Amino acid sequence: MLRLRPLPASLALVSMAVGAIVIISLAAVAFIPLLLGAAVVTAWLVALLLLGWAGIEALAALERWVETDPRFKR
């Protein structure tokens, strides 16, 4: 079994705590841009889908208007 004296054990504990804080901070700094990029891509996809749907609905409304307007029945 590994036995450490109090001073080396406390130094190791402090070093591990500082290292954990640094690693977590670096991971957060690396992860935040990824989340932001994913949110932007998702927003673009939703906007494109909504615009596509609106375009299809507009074409359907145009088709109904052309079918019912007497100017196009010649």
N, C-alpha and C. Protein backbone atom coordinates (compact mmCIF):
# COMPACT_ATOMS: atom_id res chain seq x y z
N MET A 1 0.84 -1.17 0.00
CA MET A 1 0.00 0.00 0.00
C MET A 1 0.89 1.24 0.00
N LEU A 2 0.47 2.24 -0.75
CA LEU A 2 1.26 3.46 -0.86
C LEU A 2 1.03 4.35 0.35
N ARG A 3 2.10 4.76 0.97
CA ARG A 3 1.99 5.64 2.13
C ARG A 3 2.77 6.91 1.84
N LEU A 4 2.11 8.02 1.98
CA LEU A 4 2.76 9.31 1.78
C LEU A 4 2.80 10.07 3.09
N ARG A 5 3.87 10.78 3.29
CA ARG A 5 3.98 11.62 4.47
C ARG A 5 3.04 12.81 4.31
N PRO A 6 2.67 13.50 5.36
CA PRO A 6 1.67 14.58 5.27
C PRO A 6 2.02 15.71 4.30
N LEU A 7 3.27 16.16 4.29
CA LEU A 7 3.62 17.28 3.41
C LEU A 7 3.53 16.89 1.93
N PRO A 8 4.14 15.78 1.51
CA PRO A 8 3.99 15.40 0.10
C PRO A 8 2.53 15.09 -0.28
N ALA A 9 1.79 14.52 0.64
CA ALA A 9 0.39 14.22 0.36
C ALA A 9 -0.41 15.51 0.17
N SER A 10 -0.18 16.51 1.02
CA SER A 10 -0.92 17.76 0.87
C SER A 10 -0.49 18.50 -0.39
N LEU A 11 0.79 18.45 -0.73
CA LEU A 11 1.25 19.07 -1.98
C LEU A 11 0.63 18.38 -3.20
N ALA A 12 0.56 17.05 -3.14
CA ALA A 12 -0.06 16.32 -4.24
C ALA A 12 -1.55 16.67 -4.35
N LEU A 13 -2.21 16.79 -3.22
CA LEU A 13 -3.63 17.13 -3.22
C LEU A 13 -3.86 18.53 -3.79
N VAL A 14 -3.05 19.50 -3.39
CA VAL A 14 -3.18 20.86 -3.92
C VAL A 14 -2.87 20.88 -5.41
N SER A 15 -1.85 20.16 -5.83
CA SER A 15 -1.50 20.11 -7.26
C SER A 15 -2.63 19.48 -8.08
N MET A 16 -3.22 18.42 -7.56
CA MET A 16 -4.32 17.80 -8.28
C MET A 16 -5.53 18.72 -8.36
N ALA A 17 -5.80 19.46 -7.30
CA ALA A 17 -6.92 20.40 -7.31
C ALA A 17 -6.71 21.50 -8.33
N VAL A 18 -5.51 22.07 -8.35
CA VAL A 18 -5.20 23.12 -9.32
C VAL A 18 -5.24 22.56 -10.74
N GLY A 19 -4.69 21.38 -10.92
CA GLY A 19 -4.73 20.75 -12.24
C GLY A 19 -6.14 20.48 -12.71
N ALA A 20 -7.00 20.04 -11.80
CA ALA A 20 -8.39 19.78 -12.17
C ALA A 20 -9.08 21.07 -12.59
N ILE A 21 -8.82 22.16 -11.87
CA ILE A 21 -9.42 23.45 -12.23
C ILE A 21 -8.94 23.89 -13.61
N VAL A 22 -7.66 23.73 -13.88
CA VAL A 22 -7.10 24.12 -15.18
C VAL A 22 -7.69 23.27 -16.29
N ILE A 23 -7.77 21.97 -16.08
CA ILE A 23 -8.30 21.08 -17.11
C ILE A 23 -9.78 21.36 -17.37
N ILE A 24 -10.55 21.57 -16.32
CA ILE A 24 -11.97 21.87 -16.48
C ILE A 24 -12.15 23.21 -17.20
N SER A 25 -11.32 24.19 -16.87
CA SER A 25 -11.41 25.49 -17.53
C SER A 25 -11.08 25.38 -19.02
N LEU A 26 -10.03 24.65 -19.34
CA LEU A 26 -9.66 24.47 -20.75
C LEU A 26 -10.73 23.70 -21.50
N ALA A 27 -11.32 22.70 -20.87
CA ALA A 27 -12.39 21.94 -21.52
C ALA A 27 -13.60 22.85 -21.77
N ALA A 28 -13.94 23.71 -20.83
CA ALA A 28 -15.06 24.63 -21.02
C ALA A 28 -14.76 25.62 -22.14
N VAL A 29 -13.54 26.13 -22.17
CA VAL A 29 -13.17 27.07 -23.24
C VAL A 29 -13.22 26.39 -24.60
N ALA A 30 -12.89 25.12 -24.67
CA ALA A 30 -12.95 24.40 -25.93
C ALA A 30 -14.39 24.00 -26.27
N PHE A 31 -15.22 23.77 -25.27
CA PHE A 31 -16.56 23.23 -25.50
C PHE A 31 -17.57 24.33 -25.83
N ILE A 32 -17.38 25.53 -25.30
CA ILE A 32 -18.34 26.62 -25.53
C ILE A 32 -18.43 26.99 -27.01
N PRO A 33 -17.33 27.14 -27.74
CA PRO A 33 -17.47 27.43 -29.17
C PRO A 33 -18.15 26.30 -29.95
N LEU A 34 -17.93 25.07 -29.52
CA LEU A 34 -18.62 23.96 -30.19
C LEU A 34 -20.12 24.05 -29.98
N LEU A 35 -20.54 24.37 -28.77
CA LEU A 35 -21.97 24.53 -28.51
C LEU A 35 -22.54 25.70 -29.29
N LEU A 36 -21.82 26.80 -29.34
CA LEU A 36 -22.28 27.96 -30.08
C LEU A 36 -22.38 27.64 -31.58
N GLY A 37 -21.39 26.94 -32.11
CA GLY A 37 -21.44 26.54 -33.52
C GLY A 37 -22.61 25.61 -33.82
N ALA A 38 -22.85 24.67 -32.93
CA ALA A 38 -23.99 23.77 -33.12
C ALA A 38 -25.31 24.53 -33.06
N ALA A 39 -25.40 25.52 -32.18
CA ALA A 39 -26.62 26.32 -32.09
C ALA A 39 -26.83 27.14 -33.36
N VAL A 40 -25.75 27.69 -33.91
CA VAL A 40 -25.87 28.46 -35.15
C VAL A 40 -26.29 27.57 -36.32
N VAL A 41 -25.68 26.41 -36.42
CA VAL A 41 -26.04 25.48 -37.51
C VAL A 41 -27.49 25.04 -37.36
N THR A 42 -27.92 24.75 -36.15
CA THR A 42 -29.30 24.35 -35.92
C THR A 42 -30.26 25.48 -36.28
N ALA A 43 -29.92 26.70 -35.90
CA ALA A 43 -30.79 27.84 -36.24
C ALA A 43 -30.87 28.03 -37.75
N TRP A 44 -29.77 27.87 -38.45
CA TRP A 44 -29.80 27.98 -39.91
C TRP A 44 -30.67 26.89 -40.53
N LEU A 45 -30.55 25.68 -40.03
CA LEU A 45 -31.37 24.59 -40.57
C LEU A 45 -32.86 24.85 -40.34
N VAL A 46 -33.20 25.30 -39.14
CA VAL A 46 -34.61 25.60 -38.84
C VAL A 46 -35.10 26.73 -39.73
N ALA A 47 -34.29 27.77 -39.92
CA ALA A 47 -34.69 28.89 -40.77
C ALA A 47 -34.87 28.43 -42.21
N LEU A 48 -33.97 27.58 -42.70
CA LEU A 48 -34.11 27.08 -44.07
C LEU A 48 -35.35 26.22 -44.24
N LEU A 49 -35.63 25.39 -43.25
CA LEU A 49 -36.84 24.56 -43.33
C LEU A 49 -38.10 25.42 -43.32
N LEU A 50 -38.13 26.43 -42.45
CA LEU A 50 -39.30 27.30 -42.40
C LEU A 50 -39.46 28.10 -43.69
N LEU A 51 -38.36 28.59 -44.25
CA LEU A 51 -38.44 29.32 -45.52
C LEU A 51 -38.88 28.40 -46.65
N GLY A 52 -38.40 27.18 -46.66
CA GLY A 52 -38.86 26.22 -47.67
C GLY A 52 -40.33 25.92 -47.56
N TRP A 53 -40.79 25.74 -46.34
CA TRP A 53 -42.21 25.49 -46.11
C TRP A 53 -43.04 26.70 -46.54
N ALA A 54 -42.58 27.89 -46.20
CA ALA A 54 -43.30 29.10 -46.60
C ALA A 54 -43.34 29.23 -48.12
N GLY A 55 -42.26 28.86 -48.79
CA GLY A 55 -42.24 28.91 -50.25
C GLY A 55 -43.23 27.94 -50.86
N ILE A 56 -43.30 26.74 -50.31
CA ILE A 56 -44.26 25.75 -50.82
C ILE A 56 -45.69 26.24 -50.60
N GLU A 57 -45.96 26.80 -49.44
CA GLU A 57 -47.30 27.34 -49.17
C GLU A 57 -47.62 28.49 -50.11
N ALA A 58 -46.64 29.35 -50.39
CA ALA A 58 -46.87 30.47 -51.31
C ALA A 58 -47.17 29.95 -52.72
N LEU A 59 -46.45 28.93 -53.16
CA LEU A 59 -46.72 28.36 -54.48
C LEU A 59 -48.10 27.70 -54.53
N ALA A 60 -48.51 27.06 -53.45
CA ALA A 60 -49.85 26.46 -53.40
C ALA A 60 -50.92 27.54 -53.46
N ALA A 61 -50.70 28.66 -52.75
CA ALA A 61 -51.67 29.76 -52.79
C ALA A 61 -51.72 30.36 -54.19
N LEU A 62 -50.57 30.49 -54.84
CA LEU A 62 -50.53 31.00 -56.21
C LEU A 62 -51.28 30.07 -57.16
N GLU A 63 -51.11 28.76 -56.96
CA GLU A 63 -51.81 27.79 -57.80
C GLU A 63 -53.33 27.90 -57.61
N ARG A 64 -53.78 28.03 -56.36
CA ARG A 64 -55.22 28.18 -56.11
C ARG A 64 -55.75 29.47 -56.73
N TRP A 65 -54.96 30.54 -56.67
CA TRP A 65 -55.39 31.81 -57.24
C TRP A 65 -55.48 31.71 -58.77
N VAL A 66 -54.49 31.05 -59.39
CA VAL A 66 -54.52 30.91 -60.85
C VAL A 66 -55.70 30.05 -61.27
N GLU A 67 -56.05 29.02 -60.50
CA GLU A 67 -57.16 28.15 -60.84
C GLU A 67 -58.51 28.85 -60.71
N THR A 68 -58.64 29.81 -59.78
CA THR A 68 -59.94 30.44 -59.54
C THR A 68 -60.10 31.79 -60.24
N ASP A 69 -59.05 32.42 -60.68
CA ASP A 69 -59.15 33.73 -61.30
C ASP A 69 -59.64 33.58 -62.74
N PRO A 70 -60.68 34.33 -63.12
CA PRO A 70 -61.24 34.19 -64.47
C PRO A 70 -60.27 34.64 -65.58
N ARG A 71 -59.29 35.46 -65.28
CA ARG A 71 -58.35 35.91 -66.31
C ARG A 71 -57.51 34.77 -66.87
N PHE A 72 -57.37 33.69 -66.10
CA PHE A 72 -56.56 32.57 -66.55
C PHE A 72 -57.40 31.42 -67.13
N LYS A 73 -58.69 31.64 -67.33
CA LYS A 73 -59.56 30.56 -67.82
C LYS A 73 -59.84 30.71 -69.31
N ARG A 74 -59.10 31.43 -70.06
CA ARG A 74 -59.34 31.62 -71.50
C ARG A 74 -58.92 30.43 -72.30
